[in-house]
């Protein structure tokens, strides 16, 4: 997750390797749920970035959250 979805740009910082671990758990559960779609996961990641992290570049965040490279 750190390299493909990195909304705050910490992938190059060695001390930040666990920065997104709390969100990865939820994404993992969603991936194991057969009813969860890629759009559901992208929506969750977008909400994390905009609501929990307070980021505002919605266009770039939407693109990164729904990137096929992430799946």
Protein backbone atom coordinates (compact mmCIF):
# COMPACT_ATOMS: atom_id res chain seq x y z
CA UNK A 1 0.00 0.00 0.00
CA UNK A 2 2.81 2.39 0.84
CA UNK A 3 4.15 2.45 -2.71
CA UNK A 4 0.93 2.35 -4.75
CA UNK A 5 -1.33 4.50 -2.56
CA UNK A 6 0.68 7.19 -0.85
CA UNK A 7 -1.50 10.28 -0.50
CA UNK A 8 0.83 12.09 1.91
CA UNK A 9 4.04 11.19 0.05
CA UNK A 10 5.94 9.23 2.68
CA UNK A 11 6.99 6.18 0.64
CA UNK A 12 10.62 7.34 0.51
CA UNK A 13 10.92 7.81 4.27
CA UNK A 14 12.26 4.68 6.00
CA UNK A 15 10.68 5.54 9.36
CA UNK A 16 7.24 5.78 7.74
CA UNK A 17 6.94 2.19 6.52
CA UNK A 18 3.97 1.54 8.82
CA UNK A 19 2.19 4.83 8.10
CA UNK A 20 -0.82 3.24 6.39
CA UNK A 21 -1.01 -0.05 8.33
CA UNK A 22 -4.28 0.88 10.04
CA UNK A 23 -5.93 1.38 6.65
CA UNK A 24 -4.36 -1.73 5.10
CA UNK A 25 -6.24 -3.94 7.55
CA UNK A 26 -9.58 -2.60 6.35
CA UNK A 27 -8.55 -2.90 2.70
CA UNK A 28 -7.50 -6.51 3.31
CA UNK A 29 -10.89 -7.34 4.84
CA UNK A 30 -12.60 -5.69 1.89
CA UNK A 31 -10.47 -7.68 -0.57
CA UNK A 32 -11.49 -10.91 1.16
CA UNK A 33 -15.17 -9.94 0.98
CA UNK A 34 -16.54 -11.24 -2.33
CA UNK A 35 -19.22 -8.56 -2.36
CA UNK A 36 -16.74 -5.66 -2.10
CA UNK A 37 -15.90 -4.09 -5.46
CA UNK A 38 -12.85 -2.17 -6.58
CA UNK A 39 -15.07 0.92 -6.47
CA UNK A 40 -15.91 0.20 -2.82
CA UNK A 41 -12.23 -0.01 -1.92
CA UNK A 42 -11.40 3.11 -3.93
CA UNK A 43 -14.21 4.96 -2.14
CA UNK A 44 -12.84 3.86 1.24
CA UNK A 45 -9.31 5.04 0.36
CA UNK A 46 -10.66 8.33 -0.98
CA UNK A 47 -12.60 8.85 2.27
CA UNK A 48 -9.48 8.09 4.32
CA UNK A 49 -7.47 10.65 2.37
CA UNK A 50 -10.10 13.39 2.37
CA UNK A 51 -11.94 12.89 5.66
CA UNK A 52 -9.34 11.37 7.98
CA UNK A 53 -6.19 12.97 6.56
CA UNK A 54 -7.84 16.20 5.48
CA UNK A 55 -6.30 16.24 1.99
CA UNK A 56 -8.01 18.36 -0.63
CA UNK A 57 -6.61 17.58 -4.10
CA UNK A 58 -9.65 15.47 -4.93
CA UNK A 59 -8.80 14.87 -8.60
CA UNK A 60 -5.40 13.39 -7.89
CA UNK A 61 -6.67 11.46 -4.86
CA UNK A 62 -9.54 9.93 -6.83
CA UNK A 63 -7.12 8.85 -9.54
CA UNK A 64 -4.71 7.26 -7.04
CA UNK A 65 -7.44 5.61 -4.97
CA UNK A 66 -8.94 3.91 -8.00
CA UNK A 67 -5.70 3.08 -9.78
CA UNK A 68 -5.73 -0.40 -11.36
CA UNK A 69 -2.06 -0.72 -10.33
CA UNK A 70 -3.18 -0.80 -6.73
CA UNK A 71 -5.21 -3.97 -7.21
